[in-house]
Amino acid sequence: MPRALSFAPIFLILVLPASAQLVHKGAAANIALSKTLQPYDVISVKQNNTGDETFGMHLGEDSLVATNVPLKMLIEFAYDIKPDLIVGLTGPADNARFDVTAKVIPAGGAPLPKLTDSQLAAMIIPLLADRFHLKAHLEPQIKPVYDLVVSKGGTKFKLDSGDHFGSWNISGDNDKTVLTISRASMSDLAAILADQVHREVIDKTGLPGAADITLKYSDDVAQTQGGADVISIFTAVEEQLGLKLQPSKGPVDTLVVDSVEMPTPD
């Protein structure tokens, strides 16, 4: 099933099957994945000079189609890293927009292997190295983080042994958000919460196993507006899960761009 990514100047919408939401494992994991995957066979990269602000990306099992996309967005998606953790990207390539198409051609018409969303994203890393001559490395920097710890009253969910991570989904209604996760380890939960609190979350619970978790809280807009019915995600994590998001500082992988060039026109 193709993955559709639609972008507007402010909003990003990632559409994935509800049973296979993407868990962000970070740049180191995607770099490792990129070295194990078949690269795209046919690639076209052209600068987009329309001046249009809208852009989008469609990721299929055997193809990538990006329209009017900034290079930083391609890097962010390929390396699975937040944009504020990408440093050193300067020059003409940083200020341009690009149309990118890429396709895998199976040898002898063999069926394509089923790839995860993380694998599909990681396939873009060698594309960036080949066409943009992108060279980058990870460098840990001390930044504000949240430590996920067990609160004084103890956890309010049951942990079982066995395979970790089944799926997760977020739904919303009337300014309320419901996060449901099946078979999540605490490191899985930390990775998912990081997207919601817009900061790295480090699992320091020390809890083994996996759990089914439901978390209900107010969305960002409702939290900004305030009101008697507003429940922050921080309150929800403590009251509903018996965990706590504790402000701290810790090492966070930062992607340092060593060099990048404008691609040669096709």
Protein backbone atom coordinates (compact mmCIF):
# COMPACT_ATOMS: atom_id res chain seq x y z
CA MET A 1 0.00 0.00 0.00
CA PRO A 2 1.47 3.40 -0.91
CA ARG A 3 2.22 5.91 1.83
CA ALA A 4 0.95 9.40 1.09
CA LEU A 5 2.71 12.42 2.50
CA SER A 6 1.02 15.76 1.92
CA PHE A 7 2.61 19.03 2.93
CA ALA A 8 1.45 22.63 3.12
CA PRO A 9 3.51 25.68 4.17
CA ILE A 10 2.60 25.11 7.83
CA PHE A 11 0.95 21.71 8.16
CA LEU A 12 2.37 18.22 7.65
CA ILE A 13 0.02 15.25 7.33
CA LEU A 14 1.43 11.74 7.41
CA VAL A 15 -1.07 9.11 6.32
CA LEU A 16 -0.17 5.56 7.33
CA PRO A 17 -2.23 2.42 7.95
CA ALA A 18 -3.62 2.64 11.50
CA SER A 19 -2.20 -0.80 12.25
CA ALA A 20 1.31 0.18 11.18
CA GLN A 21 2.03 3.64 12.53
CA LEU A 22 5.63 4.69 12.31
CA VAL A 23 7.63 4.52 15.54
CA HIS A 24 10.53 6.92 15.39
CA LYS A 25 13.74 5.11 16.24
CA GLY A 26 16.03 7.97 15.22
CA ALA A 27 18.82 8.74 12.80
CA ALA A 28 21.29 6.07 13.94
CA ALA A 29 18.74 3.33 13.27
CA ASN A 30 17.89 4.70 9.81
CA ILE A 31 21.55 5.05 8.86
CA ALA A 32 22.08 1.39 9.78
CA LEU A 33 18.98 0.39 7.81
CA SER A 34 20.11 2.30 4.73
CA LYS A 35 23.17 0.06 4.42
CA THR A 36 21.07 -3.10 4.20
CA LEU A 37 18.52 -2.06 1.54
CA GLN A 38 18.43 -2.15 -2.24
CA PRO A 39 18.94 1.40 -3.53
CA TYR A 40 16.64 3.05 -6.02
CA ASP A 41 17.54 2.05 -9.60
CA VAL A 42 16.18 5.07 -11.46
CA ILE A 43 16.43 8.55 -9.97
CA SER A 44 15.51 11.97 -11.33
CA VAL A 45 16.21 15.18 -9.40
CA LYS A 46 15.30 18.61 -10.75
CA GLN A 47 15.16 22.01 -9.16
CA ASN A 48 11.64 23.41 -8.90
CA ASN A 49 11.56 27.10 -9.77
CA THR A 50 7.79 27.67 -9.70
CA GLY A 51 7.93 29.77 -6.56
CA ASP A 52 4.94 27.85 -5.21
CA GLU A 53 4.87 27.34 -1.44
CA THR A 54 2.98 24.03 -1.47
CA PHE A 55 4.87 20.77 -1.59
CA GLY A 56 4.24 17.07 -1.16
CA MET A 57 5.70 13.60 -1.11
CA HIS A 58 4.26 10.20 -2.02
CA LEU A 59 6.11 7.11 -0.89
CA GLY A 60 5.18 3.75 -2.43
CA GLU A 61 6.53 0.22 -2.10
CA ASP A 62 8.76 0.70 -5.14
CA SER A 63 8.83 4.45 -5.74
CA LEU A 64 9.29 7.93 -4.34
CA VAL A 65 7.66 11.03 -5.83
CA ALA A 66 8.46 14.37 -4.18
CA THR A 67 7.23 17.68 -5.60
CA ASN A 68 8.64 21.09 -4.71
CA VAL A 69 10.23 19.70 -1.54
CA PRO A 70 13.00 21.49 0.39
CA LEU A 71 16.17 19.47 0.84
CA LYS A 72 15.90 19.78 4.62
CA MET A 73 12.52 18.02 4.51
CA LEU A 74 14.04 15.13 2.55
CA ILE A 75 16.86 14.88 5.09
CA GLU A 76 14.44 15.06 8.01
CA PHE A 77 12.34 12.22 6.62
CA ALA A 78 15.22 10.04 5.41
CA TYR A 79 17.15 10.22 8.68
CA ASP A 80 14.05 10.27 10.91
CA ILE A 81 15.26 13.34 12.75
CA LYS A 82 13.57 16.54 13.88
CA PRO A 83 14.43 19.63 11.77
CA ASP A 84 15.91 21.53 14.73
CA LEU A 85 18.43 18.70 15.13
CA ILE A 86 19.86 19.23 11.61
CA VAL A 87 22.76 21.69 11.62
CA GLY A 88 25.27 22.90 9.05
CA LEU A 89 22.92 22.86 6.06
CA THR A 90 23.76 26.03 4.16
CA GLY A 91 24.26 27.31 0.63
CA PRO A 92 22.18 27.13 -2.55
CA ALA A 93 20.87 23.62 -1.89
CA ASP A 94 19.35 24.74 1.39
CA ASN A 95 17.40 27.55 -0.27
CA ALA A 96 16.10 25.56 -3.25
CA ARG A 97 13.10 23.29 -3.83
CA PHE A 98 13.30 20.01 -5.73
CA ASP A 99 11.21 17.54 -7.69
CA VAL A 100 12.45 14.03 -7.02
CA THR A 101 11.29 10.75 -8.56
CA ALA A 102 12.90 7.41 -7.82
CA LYS A 103 11.98 3.82 -8.56
CA VAL A 104 13.14 0.31 -7.71
CA ILE A 105 13.20 -2.18 -10.59
CA PRO A 106 13.12 -5.77 -9.28
CA ALA A 107 15.57 -8.12 -10.95
CA GLY A 108 13.84 -10.52 -13.31
CA GLY A 109 10.41 -9.26 -12.36
CA ALA A 110 10.68 -10.74 -8.87
CA PRO A 111 8.16 -9.47 -6.31
CA LEU A 112 9.32 -6.64 -4.08
CA PRO A 113 9.97 -7.44 -0.43
CA LYS A 114 7.57 -5.94 2.08
CA LEU A 115 9.36 -3.02 3.70
CA THR A 116 8.55 -1.09 6.84
CA ASP A 117 8.00 2.66 6.77
CA SER A 118 11.40 3.13 8.42
CA GLN A 119 13.07 1.07 5.68
CA LEU A 120 11.33 3.05 2.94
CA ALA A 121 12.50 6.30 4.53
CA ALA A 122 16.06 5.00 4.97
CA MET A 123 16.27 4.22 1.23
CA ILE A 124 16.38 7.98 0.64
CA ILE A 125 19.72 8.31 2.47
CA PRO A 126 21.85 6.81 -0.35
CA LEU A 127 19.82 8.85 -2.85
CA LEU A 128 20.85 12.04 -1.03
CA ALA A 129 24.48 10.90 -0.94
CA ASP A 130 24.47 10.05 -4.65
CA ARG A 131 22.64 13.05 -6.10
CA PHE A 132 23.31 15.81 -3.57
CA HIS A 133 26.71 14.49 -2.47
CA LEU A 134 25.42 14.81 1.06
CA LYS A 135 27.91 13.90 3.76
CA ALA A 136 26.74 14.03 7.35
CA HIS A 137 27.50 12.54 10.72
CA LEU A 138 25.78 12.19 14.06
CA GLU A 139 27.11 14.18 16.97
CA PRO A 140 25.55 14.00 20.45
CA GLN A 141 24.78 17.37 22.02
CA ILE A 142 23.40 18.11 25.45
CA LYS A 143 19.85 19.41 25.05
CA PRO A 144 16.64 19.67 27.09
CA VAL A 145 14.89 16.28 27.26
CA TYR A 146 12.23 14.54 29.29
CA ASP A 147 13.05 11.48 31.38
CA LEU A 148 10.21 8.96 31.49
CA VAL A 149 10.16 7.68 35.08
CA VAL A 150 7.77 5.81 37.35
CA SER A 151 5.76 8.15 39.59
CA LYS A 152 5.54 7.66 43.36
CA GLY A 153 2.26 5.74 43.23
CA GLY A 154 3.57 3.17 40.77
CA THR A 155 2.35 2.17 37.31
CA LYS A 156 -1.34 1.81 36.43
CA PHE A 157 -0.99 -0.73 33.62
CA LYS A 158 0.09 -4.34 33.32
CA LEU A 159 3.37 -5.32 31.69
CA ASP A 160 3.72 -8.74 30.07
CA SER A 161 6.72 -10.55 28.67
CA GLY A 162 6.93 -11.46 25.00
CA ASP A 163 7.29 -9.67 21.70
CA HIS A 164 7.25 -5.91 21.80
CA PHE A 165 5.24 -3.44 19.75
CA GLY A 166 2.11 -4.19 17.83
CA SER A 167 0.68 -0.88 16.65
CA TRP A 168 -0.33 2.59 17.72
CA ASN A 169 -2.91 5.12 16.67
CA ILE A 170 -3.95 8.66 17.53
CA SER A 171 -7.50 9.92 17.14
CA GLY A 172 -9.12 13.18 18.14
CA ASP A 173 -12.57 14.55 18.88
CA ASN A 174 -13.66 17.91 20.31
CA ASP A 175 -10.11 19.00 21.18
CA LYS A 176 -9.41 15.68 22.91
CA THR A 177 -6.70 13.27 21.81
CA VAL A 178 -6.75 9.52 22.37
CA LEU A 179 -3.48 7.62 22.02
CA THR A 180 -3.79 3.84 21.90
CA ILE A 181 -0.79 1.51 21.78
CA SER A 182 -0.71 -2.27 21.69
CA ARG A 183 2.27 -4.29 22.91
CA ALA A 184 4.49 -1.30 23.64
CA SER A 185 7.74 -1.49 25.56
CA MET A 186 8.64 1.55 27.63
CA SER A 187 11.21 2.57 25.02
CA ASP A 188 8.45 2.38 22.38
CA LEU A 189 6.24 4.56 24.57
CA ALA A 190 9.06 7.06 25.06
CA ALA A 191 9.60 7.30 21.29
CA ILE A 192 5.90 7.89 20.66
CA LEU A 193 5.58 10.46 23.46
CA ALA A 194 8.56 12.36 22.04
CA ASP A 195 6.48 13.27 18.99
CA GLN A 196 3.68 14.56 21.21
CA VAL A 197 5.81 16.69 23.55
CA HIS A 198 8.18 17.89 20.79
CA ARG A 199 11.27 16.89 22.72
CA GLU A 200 13.41 13.78 23.12
CA VAL A 201 12.04 11.39 25.75
CA ILE A 202 14.46 8.98 27.43
CA ASP A 203 13.11 5.80 29.02
CA LYS A 204 14.37 5.64 32.61
CA THR A 205 11.58 3.51 34.02
CA GLY A 206 13.67 0.36 34.17
CA LEU A 207 10.51 -1.61 33.39
CA PRO A 208 10.82 -4.72 31.14
CA GLY A 209 8.10 -6.21 28.96
CA ALA A 210 5.27 -4.70 26.95
CA ALA A 211 1.82 -3.26 27.68
CA ASP A 212 -1.41 -2.17 26.05
CA ILE A 213 -1.81 1.53 26.77
CA THR A 214 -4.57 4.10 26.33
CA LEU A 215 -3.88 7.77 27.04
CA LYS A 216 -6.46 10.58 26.82
CA TYR A 217 -5.43 14.23 26.87
CA SER A 218 -6.19 17.63 25.34
CA ASP A 219 -4.61 18.61 22.05
CA ASP A 220 -2.06 21.42 21.68
CA VAL A 221 -4.72 23.98 20.70
CA ALA A 222 -6.90 23.25 23.73
CA GLN A 223 -3.88 23.39 26.04
CA THR A 224 -2.96 26.80 24.66
CA GLN A 225 -6.49 28.14 25.14
CA GLY A 226 -6.86 26.68 28.63
CA GLY A 227 -10.09 25.80 30.43
CA ALA A 228 -11.48 23.57 33.17
CA ASP A 229 -11.62 20.47 30.98
CA VAL A 230 -8.06 20.72 29.66
CA ILE A 231 -5.80 17.78 30.52
CA SER A 232 -2.17 18.20 29.50
CA ILE A 233 -0.29 15.20 28.23
CA PHE A 234 2.01 15.53 31.25
CA THR A 235 -0.93 15.27 33.66
CA ALA A 236 -2.42 12.41 31.65
CA VAL A 237 0.82 10.40 31.70
CA GLU A 238 1.03 10.73 35.48
CA GLU A 239 -2.63 10.24 36.38
CA GLN A 240 -3.54 7.59 33.82
CA LEU A 241 -0.29 5.63 33.50
CA GLY A 242 1.49 6.19 36.78
CA LEU A 243 4.51 7.52 34.93
CA LYS A 244 6.04 10.98 34.80
CA LEU A 245 7.70 13.13 32.15
CA GLN A 246 10.46 14.79 34.12
CA PRO A 247 12.38 17.74 32.61
CA SER A 248 16.07 17.01 32.32
CA LYS A 249 19.06 17.42 30.05
CA GLY A 250 20.80 14.69 28.14
CA PRO A 251 22.70 13.74 24.99
CA VAL A 252 20.61 14.01 21.83
CA ASP A 253 21.89 12.90 18.42
CA THR A 254 22.31 15.90 16.12
CA LEU A 255 22.85 15.43 12.39
CA VAL A 256 25.77 17.59 11.32
CA VAL A 257 25.91 18.24 7.57
CA ASP A 258 29.57 18.19 6.54
CA SER A 259 28.99 18.99 2.86
CA VAL A 260 26.21 19.14 0.28
CA GLU A 261 25.97 20.24 -3.34
CA MET A 262 23.30 21.24 -5.80
CA PRO A 263 22.39 18.15 -7.86
CA THR A 264 23.45 17.91 -11.47
CA PRO A 265 20.37 18.51 -13.65
CA ASP A 266 19.00 15.38 -15.38
